[in-house]
């Protein structure tokens, strides 16, 4: 058997390819790093006129963290991000914190989405452009499925108003984020010698 190309293994995500050494220490660092990455990406935010929800980098980071770390570490990373932000660290979009904001439902959706895309990544869903596109689209759908109804409840908007304010303006940005992931993740797998 040649060692030049390692065959794809199911159940492996990109983070599993890091040196194993102290596995718990590595996992803690990955979870904390994923939370910090999401918090930093959240500061890349642009207000959307007529919407209490800005366009930000946090959704891209949350999906990337879930995909690269896998379901368990992705969940823990986004849970840490949410808990620390609720405790007052201003690292939600536009430097906000707490849970009494109309956009908090999107953070809850990111927690669920990171878990789902992480589980799909363990099945190879991030190893080709098309599979990555589907994974990112599903992750975005999950974020909206939680975030939009929460927005409607938190603001008193009707569901159609919440869709207009909290989903429609973000579709083009989500397409761009998905395109970035479609290039980044399969390229990372090729760089480490795994095939999808």
N, C-alpha and C. Protein backbone atom coordinates (compact mmCIF):
# COMPACT_ATOMS: atom_id res chain seq x y z
N UNK A 1 0.84 -1.18 0.00
CA UNK A 1 0.00 0.00 0.00
C UNK A 1 0.88 1.23 0.00
N UNK A 2 0.61 2.15 -0.88
CA UNK A 2 1.39 3.37 -0.98
C UNK A 2 0.99 4.35 0.11
N UNK A 3 1.96 5.06 0.65
CA UNK A 3 1.67 6.07 1.65
C UNK A 3 1.60 7.47 1.05
N UNK A 4 1.72 7.59 -0.27
CA UNK A 4 1.71 8.89 -0.92
C UNK A 4 0.35 9.57 -0.82
N UNK A 5 -0.72 8.82 -0.96
CA UNK A 5 -2.07 9.40 -0.86
C UNK A 5 -2.86 8.61 0.17
N UNK A 6 -3.32 9.27 1.17
CA UNK A 6 -4.10 8.61 2.21
C UNK A 6 -5.55 8.58 1.76
N UNK A 7 -6.18 7.41 1.75
CA UNK A 7 -7.57 7.36 1.32
C UNK A 7 -8.48 8.10 2.28
N UNK A 8 -9.57 8.60 1.74
CA UNK A 8 -10.55 9.31 2.57
C UNK A 8 -11.14 8.34 3.59
N UNK A 9 -11.27 8.79 4.82
CA UNK A 9 -11.87 7.98 5.86
C UNK A 9 -13.14 8.65 6.31
N UNK A 10 -14.18 7.88 6.42
CA UNK A 10 -15.40 8.47 6.96
C UNK A 10 -15.18 8.68 8.45
N UNK A 11 -15.86 9.65 8.98
CA UNK A 11 -15.73 9.94 10.39
C UNK A 11 -14.58 10.88 10.72
N UNK A 12 -13.92 11.43 9.71
CA UNK A 12 -12.79 12.32 9.93
C UNK A 12 -13.14 13.72 9.44
N UNK A 13 -12.84 14.72 10.26
CA UNK A 13 -12.96 16.12 9.85
C UNK A 13 -11.56 16.72 9.84
N UNK A 14 -11.44 17.91 9.29
CA UNK A 14 -10.12 18.53 9.15
C UNK A 14 -9.38 18.62 10.48
N UNK A 15 -10.05 18.96 11.55
CA UNK A 15 -9.39 19.09 12.85
C UNK A 15 -8.79 17.78 13.34
N UNK A 16 -9.34 16.66 12.90
CA UNK A 16 -8.82 15.35 13.32
C UNK A 16 -7.45 15.06 12.72
N UNK A 17 -7.06 15.82 11.71
CA UNK A 17 -5.78 15.60 11.05
C UNK A 17 -4.63 16.31 11.76
N UNK A 18 -4.95 17.12 12.76
CA UNK A 18 -3.90 17.79 13.53
C UNK A 18 -3.18 16.75 14.38
N UNK A 19 -1.93 17.02 14.74
CA UNK A 19 -1.20 16.06 15.59
C UNK A 19 -1.99 15.76 16.86
N UNK A 20 -2.01 14.49 17.24
CA UNK A 20 -2.86 14.07 18.34
C UNK A 20 -2.29 14.41 19.70
N UNK A 21 -1.02 14.27 19.94
CA UNK A 21 -0.42 14.65 21.22
C UNK A 21 -1.38 14.54 22.39
N UNK A 22 -1.67 15.65 23.01
CA UNK A 22 -2.61 15.72 24.13
C UNK A 22 -3.98 16.04 23.56
N UNK A 23 -4.79 15.05 23.32
CA UNK A 23 -6.05 15.20 22.62
C UNK A 23 -7.01 16.15 23.33
N UNK A 24 -7.12 16.05 24.65
CA UNK A 24 -8.04 16.94 25.37
C UNK A 24 -7.60 18.39 25.30
N UNK A 25 -6.31 18.61 25.42
CA UNK A 25 -5.78 19.97 25.33
C UNK A 25 -6.03 20.51 23.92
N UNK A 26 -5.77 19.69 22.93
CA UNK A 26 -6.01 20.09 21.54
C UNK A 26 -7.48 20.41 21.33
N UNK A 27 -8.37 19.56 21.81
CA UNK A 27 -9.81 19.79 21.64
C UNK A 27 -10.26 21.07 22.34
N UNK A 28 -9.76 21.31 23.56
CA UNK A 28 -10.10 22.55 24.27
C UNK A 28 -9.62 23.77 23.48
N UNK A 29 -8.42 23.68 22.94
CA UNK A 29 -7.88 24.79 22.14
C UNK A 29 -8.71 25.00 20.88
N UNK A 30 -9.14 23.92 20.24
CA UNK A 30 -9.97 24.04 19.03
C UNK A 30 -11.33 24.65 19.36
N UNK A 31 -11.94 24.22 20.45
CA UNK A 31 -13.24 24.76 20.85
C UNK A 31 -13.12 26.25 21.16
N UNK A 32 -12.11 26.61 21.95
CA UNK A 32 -11.91 28.03 22.28
C UNK A 32 -11.56 28.83 21.02
N UNK A 33 -10.71 28.27 20.18
CA UNK A 33 -10.33 28.96 18.95
C UNK A 33 -11.51 29.18 18.02
N UNK A 34 -12.40 28.20 17.94
CA UNK A 34 -13.59 28.35 17.11
C UNK A 34 -14.51 29.44 17.63
N UNK A 35 -14.65 29.52 18.96
CA UNK A 35 -15.47 30.58 19.55
C UNK A 35 -14.86 31.94 19.27
N UNK A 36 -13.54 32.06 19.43
CA UNK A 36 -12.86 33.33 19.18
C UNK A 36 -12.96 33.71 17.71
N UNK A 37 -12.76 32.75 16.81
CA UNK A 37 -12.90 33.04 15.38
C UNK A 37 -14.29 33.58 15.06
N UNK A 38 -15.31 32.96 15.64
CA UNK A 38 -16.68 33.42 15.41
C UNK A 38 -16.88 34.82 15.96
N UNK A 39 -16.34 35.08 17.15
CA UNK A 39 -16.45 36.41 17.75
C UNK A 39 -15.73 37.48 16.94
N UNK A 40 -14.56 37.16 16.42
CA UNK A 40 -13.82 38.12 15.59
C UNK A 40 -14.56 38.34 14.27
N UNK A 41 -15.03 37.27 13.66
CA UNK A 41 -15.75 37.39 12.38
C UNK A 41 -17.05 38.18 12.54
N UNK A 42 -17.65 38.11 13.72
CA UNK A 42 -18.89 38.85 13.98
C UNK A 42 -18.67 40.35 13.93
N UNK A 43 -17.43 40.78 14.13
CA UNK A 43 -17.15 42.21 14.11
C UNK A 43 -17.07 42.75 12.68
N UNK A 44 -17.02 41.87 11.71
CA UNK A 44 -17.13 42.27 10.31
C UNK A 44 -18.62 42.34 10.05
N UNK A 45 -19.20 43.50 10.27
CA UNK A 45 -20.66 43.63 10.21
C UNK A 45 -21.05 44.92 9.51
N UNK A 46 -22.10 44.81 8.71
CA UNK A 46 -22.64 45.96 7.99
C UNK A 46 -24.13 46.04 8.30
N UNK A 47 -24.59 47.18 8.82
CA UNK A 47 -26.02 47.32 9.10
C UNK A 47 -26.85 47.21 7.83
N UNK A 48 -28.02 46.63 7.96
CA UNK A 48 -28.96 46.51 6.84
C UNK A 48 -30.12 47.47 7.12
N UNK A 49 -30.33 48.45 6.23
CA UNK A 49 -31.44 49.39 6.45
C UNK A 49 -32.78 48.66 6.60
N UNK A 50 -33.51 49.01 7.64
CA UNK A 50 -34.82 48.41 7.88
C UNK A 50 -34.78 47.07 8.60
N UNK A 51 -33.58 46.63 9.02
CA UNK A 51 -33.48 45.35 9.70
C UNK A 51 -32.65 45.50 10.97
N UNK A 52 -33.07 44.86 12.06
CA UNK A 52 -32.25 44.88 13.27
C UNK A 52 -31.09 43.87 13.20
N UNK A 53 -30.97 43.17 12.10
CA UNK A 53 -29.95 42.14 11.93
C UNK A 53 -28.93 42.63 10.89
N UNK A 54 -27.65 42.72 11.26
CA UNK A 54 -26.64 43.14 10.28
C UNK A 54 -26.12 41.96 9.46
N UNK A 55 -25.53 42.26 8.32
CA UNK A 55 -24.77 41.26 7.58
C UNK A 55 -23.44 41.15 8.32
N UNK A 56 -23.05 39.95 8.68
CA UNK A 56 -21.79 39.80 9.42
C UNK A 56 -21.07 38.53 8.99
N UNK A 57 -19.84 38.43 9.45
CA UNK A 57 -19.04 37.25 9.16
C UNK A 57 -19.28 36.11 10.12
N UNK A 58 -20.12 36.31 11.14
CA UNK A 58 -20.27 35.26 12.15
C UNK A 58 -20.95 34.01 11.61
N UNK A 59 -21.88 34.15 10.68
CA UNK A 59 -22.53 32.95 10.15
C UNK A 59 -21.54 32.10 9.35
N UNK A 60 -20.70 32.77 8.56
CA UNK A 60 -19.67 32.04 7.81
C UNK A 60 -18.73 31.33 8.78
N UNK A 61 -18.29 32.05 9.81
CA UNK A 61 -17.37 31.45 10.78
C UNK A 61 -18.02 30.27 11.50
N UNK A 62 -19.29 30.42 11.89
CA UNK A 62 -19.97 29.34 12.60
C UNK A 62 -20.06 28.08 11.74
N UNK A 63 -20.38 28.24 10.47
CA UNK A 63 -20.47 27.08 9.58
C UNK A 63 -19.09 26.49 9.31
N UNK A 64 -18.10 27.34 9.17
CA UNK A 64 -16.73 26.86 8.96
C UNK A 64 -16.23 26.12 10.19
N UNK A 65 -16.50 26.65 11.37
CA UNK A 65 -16.09 26.01 12.62
C UNK A 65 -16.75 24.64 12.75
N UNK A 66 -18.05 24.58 12.51
CA UNK A 66 -18.74 23.30 12.61
C UNK A 66 -18.19 22.28 11.63
N UNK A 67 -17.96 22.70 10.41
CA UNK A 67 -17.46 21.79 9.38
C UNK A 67 -16.05 21.32 9.68
N UNK A 68 -15.19 22.22 10.09
CA UNK A 68 -13.79 21.85 10.34
C UNK A 68 -13.59 21.07 11.63
N UNK A 69 -14.42 21.35 12.65
CA UNK A 69 -14.23 20.71 13.95
C UNK A 69 -15.07 19.46 14.16
N UNK A 70 -16.15 19.33 13.41
CA UNK A 70 -17.06 18.21 13.63
C UNK A 70 -18.19 18.61 14.56
N UNK A 71 -19.18 17.76 14.68
CA UNK A 71 -20.41 18.09 15.41
C UNK A 71 -20.16 18.41 16.88
N UNK A 72 -19.46 17.57 17.58
CA UNK A 72 -19.29 17.76 19.03
C UNK A 72 -18.48 19.01 19.34
N UNK A 73 -17.30 19.13 18.74
CA UNK A 73 -16.47 20.31 19.00
C UNK A 73 -17.11 21.57 18.42
N UNK A 74 -17.79 21.45 17.27
CA UNK A 74 -18.49 22.59 16.69
C UNK A 74 -19.59 23.09 17.62
N UNK A 75 -20.38 22.15 18.16
CA UNK A 75 -21.43 22.51 19.12
C UNK A 75 -20.82 23.21 20.33
N UNK A 76 -19.78 22.61 20.91
CA UNK A 76 -19.16 23.18 22.10
C UNK A 76 -18.57 24.56 21.82
N UNK A 77 -17.99 24.73 20.67
CA UNK A 77 -17.40 26.01 20.29
C UNK A 77 -18.47 27.10 20.18
N UNK A 78 -19.57 26.80 19.50
CA UNK A 78 -20.64 27.79 19.37
C UNK A 78 -21.40 27.98 20.68
N UNK A 79 -21.46 26.94 21.51
CA UNK A 79 -22.07 27.09 22.83
C UNK A 79 -21.21 28.03 23.68
N UNK A 80 -19.89 27.87 23.63
CA UNK A 80 -18.99 28.76 24.35
C UNK A 80 -19.15 30.20 23.84
N UNK A 81 -19.21 30.37 22.54
CA UNK A 81 -19.43 31.69 21.94
C UNK A 81 -20.72 32.31 22.47
N UNK A 82 -21.80 31.54 22.49
CA UNK A 82 -23.09 32.05 22.95
C UNK A 82 -23.08 32.38 24.44
N UNK A 83 -22.56 31.48 25.25
CA UNK A 83 -22.56 31.68 26.71
C UNK A 83 -21.70 32.88 27.10
N UNK A 84 -20.52 32.98 26.51
CA UNK A 84 -19.64 34.10 26.85
C UNK A 84 -20.25 35.42 26.38
N UNK A 85 -20.88 35.42 25.22
CA UNK A 85 -21.56 36.63 24.75
C UNK A 85 -22.76 36.99 25.62
N UNK A 86 -23.49 35.99 26.07
CA UNK A 86 -24.62 36.25 26.97
C UNK A 86 -24.13 36.79 28.32
N UNK A 87 -22.93 36.38 28.72
CA UNK A 87 -22.36 36.84 29.99
C UNK A 87 -21.83 38.27 29.92
N UNK A 88 -21.78 38.84 28.72
CA UNK A 88 -21.40 40.24 28.61
C UNK A 88 -20.21 40.55 27.73
N UNK A 89 -19.49 39.56 27.23
CA UNK A 89 -18.38 39.86 26.32
C UNK A 89 -18.98 40.38 25.01
N UNK A 90 -18.57 41.56 24.58
CA UNK A 90 -19.19 42.18 23.40
C UNK A 90 -18.64 41.64 22.08
N UNK A 91 -18.90 40.37 21.81
CA UNK A 91 -18.36 39.79 20.58
C UNK A 91 -19.43 39.24 19.65
N UNK A 92 -20.68 39.56 19.93
CA UNK A 92 -21.71 39.30 18.93
C UNK A 92 -21.60 40.39 17.86
N UNK A 93 -22.36 40.28 16.79
CA UNK A 93 -22.26 41.23 15.69
C UNK A 93 -22.35 42.67 16.19
N UNK A 94 -21.49 43.50 15.66
CA UNK A 94 -21.41 44.93 15.99
C UNK A 94 -21.08 45.18 17.45
N UNK A 95 -20.33 44.28 18.08
CA UNK A 95 -19.88 44.48 19.45
C UNK A 95 -20.97 44.39 20.50
N UNK A 96 -22.04 43.67 20.21
CA UNK A 96 -23.13 43.53 21.17
C UNK A 96 -22.92 42.30 22.04
N UNK A 97 -23.71 42.21 23.09
CA UNK A 97 -23.68 41.04 23.97
C UNK A 97 -25.06 40.88 24.59
N UNK A 98 -25.24 39.82 25.33
CA UNK A 98 -26.52 39.56 25.99
C UNK A 98 -27.43 38.68 25.15
N UNK A 99 -28.64 38.51 25.64
CA UNK A 99 -29.59 37.66 24.92
C UNK A 99 -30.89 38.39 24.61
N UNK A 100 -31.04 39.62 25.11
CA UNK A 100 -32.27 40.38 24.89
C UNK A 100 -32.15 41.23 23.64
N UNK A 101 -31.84 40.60 22.53
CA UNK A 101 -31.74 41.32 21.26
C UNK A 101 -32.47 40.52 20.20
N UNK A 102 -33.05 41.20 19.23
CA UNK A 102 -33.85 40.50 18.21
C UNK A 102 -33.06 39.49 17.38
N UNK A 103 -31.75 39.67 17.29
CA UNK A 103 -30.95 38.77 16.46
C UNK A 103 -30.40 37.56 17.22
N UNK A 104 -30.73 37.42 18.50
CA UNK A 104 -30.18 36.31 19.27
C UNK A 104 -30.61 34.94 18.72
N UNK A 105 -31.75 34.87 18.10
CA UNK A 105 -32.20 33.61 17.51
C UNK A 105 -31.25 33.08 16.45
N UNK A 106 -30.58 33.99 15.75
CA UNK A 106 -29.60 33.56 14.75
C UNK A 106 -28.41 32.88 15.42
N UNK A 107 -28.04 33.36 16.59
CA UNK A 107 -26.93 32.74 17.32
C UNK A 107 -27.33 31.33 17.76
N UNK A 108 -28.57 31.17 18.22
CA UNK A 108 -29.06 29.83 18.55
C UNK A 108 -29.10 28.94 17.31
N UNK A 109 -29.50 29.51 16.19
CA UNK A 109 -29.51 28.76 14.93
C UNK A 109 -28.11 28.34 14.52
N UNK A 110 -27.12 29.21 14.75
CA UNK A 110 -25.73 28.88 14.41
C UNK A 110 -25.23 27.71 15.25
N UNK A 111 -25.67 27.65 16.50
CA UNK A 111 -25.30 26.55 17.37
C UNK A 111 -25.80 25.22 16.79
N UNK A 112 -27.05 25.20 16.38
CA UNK A 112 -27.61 24.00 15.77
C UNK A 112 -26.98 23.71 14.41
N UNK A 113 -26.79 24.75 13.61
CA UNK A 113 -26.21 24.57 12.27
C UNK A 113 -24.79 24.03 12.34
N UNK A 114 -23.98 24.54 13.26
CA UNK A 114 -22.59 24.05 13.40
C UNK A 114 -22.58 22.57 13.73
N UNK A 115 -23.54 22.14 14.53
CA UNK A 115 -23.64 20.73 14.90
C UNK A 115 -24.00 19.88 13.69
N UNK A 116 -24.98 20.33 12.91
CA UNK A 116 -25.44 19.56 11.75
C UNK A 116 -24.36 19.52 10.66
N UNK A 117 -23.76 20.67 10.33
CA UNK A 117 -22.74 20.64 9.27
C UNK A 117 -21.52 19.86 9.73
N UNK A 118 -21.24 19.88 11.04
CA UNK A 118 -20.14 19.07 11.56
C UNK A 118 -20.40 17.58 11.40
N UNK A 119 -21.63 17.17 11.65
CA UNK A 119 -21.99 15.76 11.46
C UNK A 119 -21.90 15.38 9.98
N UNK A 120 -22.34 16.28 9.11
CA UNK A 120 -22.25 16.00 7.67
C UNK A 120 -20.80 15.96 7.20
N UNK A 121 -19.96 16.82 7.76
CA UNK A 121 -18.54 16.82 7.38
C UNK A 121 -17.89 15.49 7.74
N UNK A 122 -18.32 14.88 8.84
CA UNK A 122 -17.78 13.56 9.20
C UNK A 122 -18.16 12.50 8.17
N UNK A 123 -19.15 12.79 7.35
CA UNK A 123 -19.56 11.88 6.28
C UNK A 123 -19.02 12.32 4.92
N UNK A 124 -18.08 13.27 4.94
CA UNK A 124 -17.43 13.70 3.70
C UNK A 124 -18.12 14.83 2.96
N UNK A 125 -19.02 15.55 3.63
CA UNK A 125 -19.81 16.58 2.94
C UNK A 125 -19.02 17.85 2.64
N UNK A 126 -17.77 17.91 3.05
CA UNK A 126 -16.96 19.11 2.80
C UNK A 126 -15.79 18.82 1.86
N UNK A 127 -15.87 17.72 1.14
CA UNK A 127 -14.70 17.32 0.35
C UNK A 127 -14.81 17.61 -1.14
N UNK A 128 -15.96 18.04 -1.58
CA UNK A 128 -16.11 18.44 -2.98
C UNK A 128 -16.90 19.74 -3.02
N UNK A 129 -16.78 20.44 -4.12
CA UNK A 129 -17.46 21.72 -4.27
C UNK A 129 -18.97 21.57 -4.12
N UNK A 130 -19.56 20.60 -4.81
CA UNK A 130 -21.01 20.45 -4.76
C UNK A 130 -21.51 20.03 -3.39
N UNK A 131 -20.83 19.10 -2.77
CA UNK A 131 -21.26 18.67 -1.43
C UNK A 131 -21.09 19.79 -0.41
N UNK A 132 -20.02 20.57 -0.55
CA UNK A 132 -19.83 21.71 0.35
C UNK A 132 -20.93 22.74 0.14
N UNK A 133 -21.31 22.98 -1.10
CA UNK A 133 -22.39 23.93 -1.38
C UNK A 133 -23.69 23.49 -0.70
N UNK A 134 -24.01 22.22 -0.81
CA UNK A 134 -25.21 21.69 -0.17
C UNK A 134 -25.14 21.79 1.35
N UNK A 135 -23.97 21.51 1.91
CA UNK A 135 -23.79 21.58 3.35
C UNK A 135 -23.96 23.01 3.85
N UNK A 136 -23.36 23.96 3.15
CA UNK A 136 -23.47 25.37 3.55
C UNK A 136 -24.91 25.86 3.40
N UNK A 137 -25.59 25.44 2.33
CA UNK A 137 -26.99 25.84 2.13
C UNK A 137 -27.86 25.30 3.25
N UNK A 138 -27.66 24.05 3.64
CA UNK A 138 -28.43 23.47 4.74
C UNK A 138 -28.13 24.19 6.05
N UNK A 139 -26.86 24.48 6.30
CA UNK A 139 -26.50 25.20 7.51
C UNK A 139 -27.17 26.58 7.57
N UNK A 140 -27.16 27.29 6.44
CA UNK A 140 -27.82 28.60 6.39
C UNK A 140 -29.32 28.46 6.61
N UNK A 141 -29.92 27.47 6.02
CA UNK A 141 -31.35 27.23 6.20
C UNK A 141 -31.69 27.00 7.67
N UNK A 142 -30.86 26.25 8.36
CA UNK A 142 -31.09 25.99 9.79
C UNK A 142 -30.99 27.29 10.58
N UNK A 143 -30.00 28.12 10.27
CA UNK A 143 -29.85 29.40 10.97
C UNK A 143 -31.10 30.25 10.79
N UNK A 144 -31.60 30.32 9.55
CA UNK A 144 -32.81 31.11 9.28
C UNK A 144 -34.05 30.48 9.92
N UNK A 145 -34.11 29.16 9.95
CA UNK A 145 -35.28 28.48 10.51
C UNK A 145 -35.44 28.79 12.00
N UNK A 146 -34.35 29.08 12.68
CA UNK A 146 -34.42 29.47 14.09
C UNK A 146 -34.45 31.00 14.22
N UNK A 147 -33.61 31.68 13.47
CA UNK A 147 -33.45 33.12 13.61
C UNK A 147 -34.65 33.94 13.19
N UNK A 148 -35.28 33.59 12.08
CA UNK A 148 -36.40 34.40 11.57
C UNK A 148 -37.62 34.33 12.50
N UNK A 149 -38.06 33.16 12.93
CA UNK A 149 -39.19 33.14 13.88
C UNK A 149 -38.86 33.85 15.20
N UNK A 150 -37.61 33.71 15.67
CA UNK A 150 -37.20 34.40 16.89
C UNK A 150 -37.28 35.91 16.68
N UNK A 151 -36.83 36.38 15.52
CA UNK A 151 -36.90 37.80 15.18
C UNK A 151 -38.35 38.28 15.21
N UNK A 152 -39.24 37.49 14.63
CA UNK A 152 -40.66 37.86 14.62
C UNK A 152 -41.21 37.95 16.04
N UNK A 153 -40.89 36.98 16.88
CA UNK A 153 -41.37 37.00 18.27
C UNK A 153 -40.78 38.16 19.07
N UNK A 154 -39.49 38.40 18.87
CA UNK A 154 -38.80 39.42 19.66
C UNK A 154 -39.21 40.84 19.28
N UNK A 155 -39.65 41.03 18.04
CA UNK A 155 -39.97 42.39 17.57
C UNK A 155 -41.46 42.63 17.39
N UNK A 156 -42.25 41.57 17.42
CA UNK A 156 -43.68 41.71 17.14
C UNK A 156 -43.99 41.79 15.66
N UNK A 157 -43.01 41.50 14.82
CA UNK A 157 -43.24 41.47 13.37
C UNK A 157 -44.08 40.26 13.01
N UNK A 158 -44.77 40.36 11.89
CA UNK A 158 -45.40 39.16 11.34
C UNK A 158 -44.29 38.30 10.76
N UNK A 159 -44.60 37.04 10.48
CA UNK A 159 -43.58 36.17 9.90
C UNK A 159 -43.12 36.69 8.55
N UNK A 160 -44.04 37.20 7.73
CA UNK A 160 -43.63 37.73 6.42
C UNK A 160 -42.75 38.96 6.57
N UNK A 161 -43.02 39.81 7.57
CA UNK A 161 -42.16 40.97 7.83
C UNK A 161 -40.77 40.51 8.30
N UNK A 162 -40.74 39.48 9.13
CA UNK A 162 -39.46 38.96 9.62
C UNK A 162 -38.66 38.34 8.48
N UNK A 163 -39.33 37.67 7.56
CA UNK A 163 -38.63 37.12 6.38
C UNK A 163 -38.05 38.26 5.55
N UNK A 164 -38.83 39.32 5.36
CA UNK A 164 -38.37 40.47 4.57
C UNK A 164 -37.21 41.19 5.24
N UNK A 165 -37.21 41.25 6.57
CA UNK A 165 -36.16 41.97 7.29
C UNK A 165 -34.99 41.08 7.68
N UNK A 166 -35.24 39.79 7.89
CA UNK A 166 -34.21 38.93 8.46
C UNK A 166 -33.75 37.78 7.61
N UNK A 167 -34.23 37.69 6.37
CA UNK A 167 -33.78 36.62 5.47
C UNK A 167 -33.45 37.17 4.09
N UNK A 168 -34.42 37.79 3.45
CA UNK A 168 -34.26 38.23 2.06
C UNK A 168 -33.01 39.08 1.83
N UNK A 169 -32.71 40.08 2.68
CA UNK A 169 -31.54 40.92 2.41
C UNK A 169 -30.20 40.18 2.51
N UNK A 170 -30.22 38.97 3.06
CA UNK A 170 -28.98 38.26 3.34
C UNK A 170 -28.65 37.16 2.34
N UNK A 171 -29.55 36.90 1.41
CA UNK A 171 -29.36 35.77 0.50
C UNK A 171 -28.14 35.92 -0.40
N UNK A 172 -27.89 37.12 -0.92
CA UNK A 172 -26.71 37.31 -1.78
C UNK A 172 -25.43 37.12 -0.97
N UNK A 173 -25.39 37.70 0.23
CA UNK A 173 -24.21 37.51 1.08
C UNK A 173 -23.98 36.06 1.44
N UNK A 174 -25.05 35.32 1.67
CA UNK A 174 -24.91 33.89 1.97
C UNK A 174 -24.38 33.12 0.78
N UNK A 175 -24.77 33.52 -0.41
CA UNK A 175 -24.25 32.88 -1.62
C UNK A 175 -22.74 33.12 -1.74
N UNK A 176 -22.31 34.33 -1.42
CA UNK A 176 -20.87 34.64 -1.45
C UNK A 176 -20.13 33.82 -0.40
N UNK A 177 -20.69 33.74 0.80
CA UNK A 177 -20.06 32.95 1.87
C UNK A 177 -19.98 31.47 1.48
N UNK A 178 -21.03 30.96 0.86
CA UNK A 178 -21.02 29.56 0.42
C UNK A 178 -19.95 29.35 -0.64
N UNK A 179 -19.81 30.31 -1.54
CA UNK A 179 -18.78 30.20 -2.59
C UNK A 179 -17.38 30.18 -1.97
N UNK A 180 -17.16 30.98 -0.94
CA UNK A 180 -15.86 30.96 -0.25
C UNK A 180 -15.62 29.58 0.37
N UNK A 181 -16.62 29.04 1.03
CA UNK A 181 -16.49 27.72 1.65
C UNK A 181 -16.27 26.64 0.59
N UNK A 182 -16.95 26.79 -0.55
CA UNK A 182 -16.83 25.80 -1.63
C UNK A 182 -15.40 25.77 -2.17
N UNK A 183 -14.71 26.88 -2.10
CA UNK A 183 -13.31 26.90 -2.52
C UNK A 183 -12.37 26.48 -1.42
N UNK A 184 -12.66 26.92 -0.20
CA UNK A 184 -11.75 26.72 0.92
C UNK A 184 -11.69 25.27 1.42
N UNK A 185 -12.83 24.68 1.70
CA UNK A 185 -12.83 23.36 2.34
C UNK A 185 -12.32 22.24 1.44
N UNK A 186 -12.83 22.08 0.20
CA UNK A 186 -12.27 21.03 -0.65
C UNK A 186 -10.77 21.24 -0.93
N UNK A 187 -10.34 22.50 -1.03
CA UNK A 187 -8.92 22.79 -1.24
C UNK A 187 -8.10 22.36 -0.04
N UNK A 188 -8.62 22.58 1.15
CA UNK A 188 -7.91 22.14 2.36
C UNK A 188 -7.74 20.63 2.37
N UNK A 189 -8.80 19.90 1.97
CA UNK A 189 -8.69 18.43 1.92
C UNK A 189 -7.66 17.99 0.89
N UNK A 190 -7.64 18.66 -0.26
CA UNK A 190 -6.64 18.30 -1.28
C UNK A 190 -5.24 18.59 -0.78
N UNK A 191 -5.08 19.69 -0.05
CA UNK A 191 -3.76 20.06 0.46
C UNK A 191 -3.21 19.03 1.45
N UNK A 192 -4.09 18.36 2.19
CA UNK A 192 -3.62 17.36 3.13
C UNK A 192 -3.61 15.95 2.53
N UNK A 193 -3.92 15.85 1.26
CA UNK A 193 -3.81 14.57 0.57
C UNK A 193 -4.98 13.64 0.67
N UNK A 194 -6.14 14.13 1.08
CA UNK A 194 -7.34 13.30 1.17
C UNK A 194 -8.21 13.57 -0.03
N UNK A 195 -8.91 12.55 -0.45
CA UNK A 195 -9.83 12.69 -1.57
C UNK A 195 -11.25 12.50 -1.08
N UNK A 196 -12.21 13.14 -1.78
CA UNK A 196 -13.61 12.99 -1.42
C UNK A 196 -14.22 11.91 -2.18
